[in-house]
């Protein structure tokens, strides 16, 4: 099986995310090399999760150089009905108490951590 076929799900995810400056090369040494730029750290993590899913926890047949344009911002999150900062923190950090970190990063639009509005776009800082 060609390496591009083995990692087709990773390449498809990259296209779906709109990875910029993307390149893929399959070397004679049996290593698939991929490059690209994403906006946020969460996207890089999702690509690495897809790589591990396709190739195992420590795949030796792929080398990825994924750059993040906004390294201080992990993600942007649009608030949906029924969400709270603690629920959002649980999703991104697996720790509800890190809601304070999200609140502090969004003080320009939040005065109270208990009052967020549906449709607000919040910055999720790096863990």
Protein backbone atom coordinates (compact mmCIF):
# COMPACT_ATOMS: atom_id res chain seq x y z
CA UNK A 1 0.00 0.00 0.00
CA UNK A 2 1.29 3.46 -0.90
CA UNK A 3 1.86 5.78 2.04
CA UNK A 4 -0.48 8.39 0.54
CA UNK A 5 -3.21 5.74 0.67
CA UNK A 6 -2.37 4.78 4.26
CA UNK A 7 -2.58 8.42 5.35
CA UNK A 8 -5.44 9.43 3.02
CA UNK A 9 -7.64 10.31 6.02
CA UNK A 10 -4.96 12.73 7.30
CA UNK A 11 -4.60 14.37 3.90
CA UNK A 12 -8.40 14.66 3.57
CA UNK A 13 -8.63 16.26 7.04
CA UNK A 14 -5.93 18.74 6.04
CA UNK A 15 -7.88 19.69 2.94
CA UNK A 16 -11.10 20.03 4.96
CA UNK A 17 -9.30 22.31 7.45
CA UNK A 18 -7.91 24.44 4.66
CA UNK A 19 -4.24 23.80 5.50
CA UNK A 20 -2.16 26.44 3.77
CA UNK A 21 1.20 26.00 2.03
CA UNK A 22 0.59 22.26 2.08
CA UNK A 23 3.01 19.85 0.45
CA UNK A 24 3.18 16.08 0.41
CA UNK A 25 6.18 14.05 -0.79
CA UNK A 26 6.69 10.32 -0.65
CA UNK A 27 10.45 9.71 -0.36
CA UNK A 28 12.47 6.81 -1.71
CA UNK A 29 13.34 6.06 1.94
CA UNK A 30 9.76 4.99 2.62
CA UNK A 31 8.80 8.11 4.55
CA UNK A 32 5.85 10.35 3.68
CA UNK A 33 6.71 13.97 4.35
CA UNK A 34 3.97 16.54 4.83
CA UNK A 35 4.14 20.27 5.46
CA UNK A 36 1.54 22.93 6.06
CA UNK A 37 0.22 25.83 8.12
CA UNK A 38 -2.91 25.94 10.27
CA UNK A 39 -4.46 28.82 12.17
CA UNK A 40 -4.70 27.28 15.64
CA UNK A 41 -3.06 24.66 17.84
CA UNK A 42 -6.24 22.60 18.07
CA UNK A 43 -6.01 21.99 14.32
CA UNK A 44 -2.42 20.79 14.63
CA UNK A 45 -3.48 18.44 17.45
CA UNK A 46 -6.34 17.09 15.34
CA UNK A 47 -3.94 16.38 12.47
CA UNK A 48 -1.52 14.58 14.82
CA UNK A 49 -4.40 12.54 16.26
CA UNK A 50 -5.33 11.52 12.70
CA UNK A 51 -1.70 10.58 11.96
CA UNK A 52 -1.57 8.40 15.09
CA UNK A 53 -4.91 6.84 14.21
CA UNK A 54 -3.66 5.85 10.75
CA UNK A 55 -0.09 4.93 11.66
CA UNK A 56 -0.02 3.95 15.32
CA UNK A 57 1.16 5.90 18.37
CA UNK A 58 4.68 6.45 17.03
CA UNK A 59 4.56 6.10 13.25
CA UNK A 60 8.01 5.96 11.64
CA UNK A 61 6.82 6.17 8.04
CA UNK A 62 5.62 9.79 8.20
CA UNK A 63 7.27 13.10 9.06
CA UNK A 64 5.01 16.10 9.50
CA UNK A 65 5.99 19.74 9.84
CA UNK A 66 2.78 21.56 10.78
CA UNK A 67 3.20 25.24 11.66
CA UNK A 68 0.64 27.25 13.66
CA UNK A 69 -0.05 30.86 12.65
CA UNK A 70 -1.42 31.92 16.06
CA UNK A 71 0.63 29.98 18.63
CA UNK A 72 -0.84 31.81 21.65
CA UNK A 73 -4.39 30.90 20.64
CA UNK A 74 -5.35 27.24 20.85
CA UNK A 75 -8.75 27.70 19.21
CA UNK A 76 -11.69 29.98 18.60
CA UNK A 77 -15.01 28.77 19.92
CA UNK A 78 -18.48 29.98 19.00
CA UNK A 79 -20.77 29.69 22.01
CA UNK A 80 -23.79 27.44 21.53
CA UNK A 81 -27.01 27.22 23.52
CA UNK A 82 -26.53 25.54 26.89
CA UNK A 83 -22.80 26.11 27.10
CA UNK A 84 -20.88 27.65 29.98
CA UNK A 85 -17.23 28.57 30.32
CA UNK A 86 -16.68 25.50 32.51
CA UNK A 87 -18.26 23.22 29.89
CA UNK A 88 -16.08 24.79 27.19
CA UNK A 89 -12.99 24.38 29.41
CA UNK A 90 -13.85 20.71 29.94
CA UNK A 91 -14.04 20.24 26.16
CA UNK A 92 -10.69 21.87 25.33
CA UNK A 93 -8.66 21.23 28.48
CA UNK A 94 -10.45 18.27 30.10
CA UNK A 95 -10.60 20.44 33.22
CA UNK A 96 -13.71 22.46 34.08
CA UNK A 97 -11.80 24.70 36.48
CA UNK A 98 -9.74 26.16 33.65
CA UNK A 99 -12.78 28.28 32.77
CA UNK A 100 -10.89 31.15 34.45
CA UNK A 101 -8.19 30.94 31.78
CA UNK A 102 -10.82 31.31 29.05
CA UNK A 103 -12.51 34.15 30.95
CA UNK A 104 -9.22 36.04 31.35
CA UNK A 105 -8.43 35.67 27.64
CA UNK A 106 -11.82 37.18 26.75
CA UNK A 107 -12.12 40.07 29.21
CA UNK A 108 -12.46 42.41 26.24
CA UNK A 109 -15.96 41.00 25.73
CA UNK A 110 -16.82 39.32 29.04
CA UNK A 111 -17.47 41.05 32.37
CA UNK A 112 -18.78 38.02 34.25
CA UNK A 113 -17.73 34.37 33.73
CA UNK A 114 -21.35 33.31 34.27
CA UNK A 115 -22.69 35.48 31.46
CA UNK A 116 -21.81 34.36 27.96
CA UNK A 117 -24.03 34.79 24.93
CA UNK A 118 -24.93 32.34 22.18
CA UNK A 119 -22.96 33.28 19.08
CA UNK A 120 -20.04 34.92 20.91
CA UNK A 121 -16.68 33.90 19.48
CA UNK A 122 -14.29 33.21 22.33
CA UNK A 123 -10.53 32.85 22.22
CA UNK A 124 -9.32 29.61 23.77
CA UNK A 125 -5.73 30.19 24.94
CA UNK A 126 -3.07 27.50 24.79
CA UNK A 127 -3.30 25.02 27.66
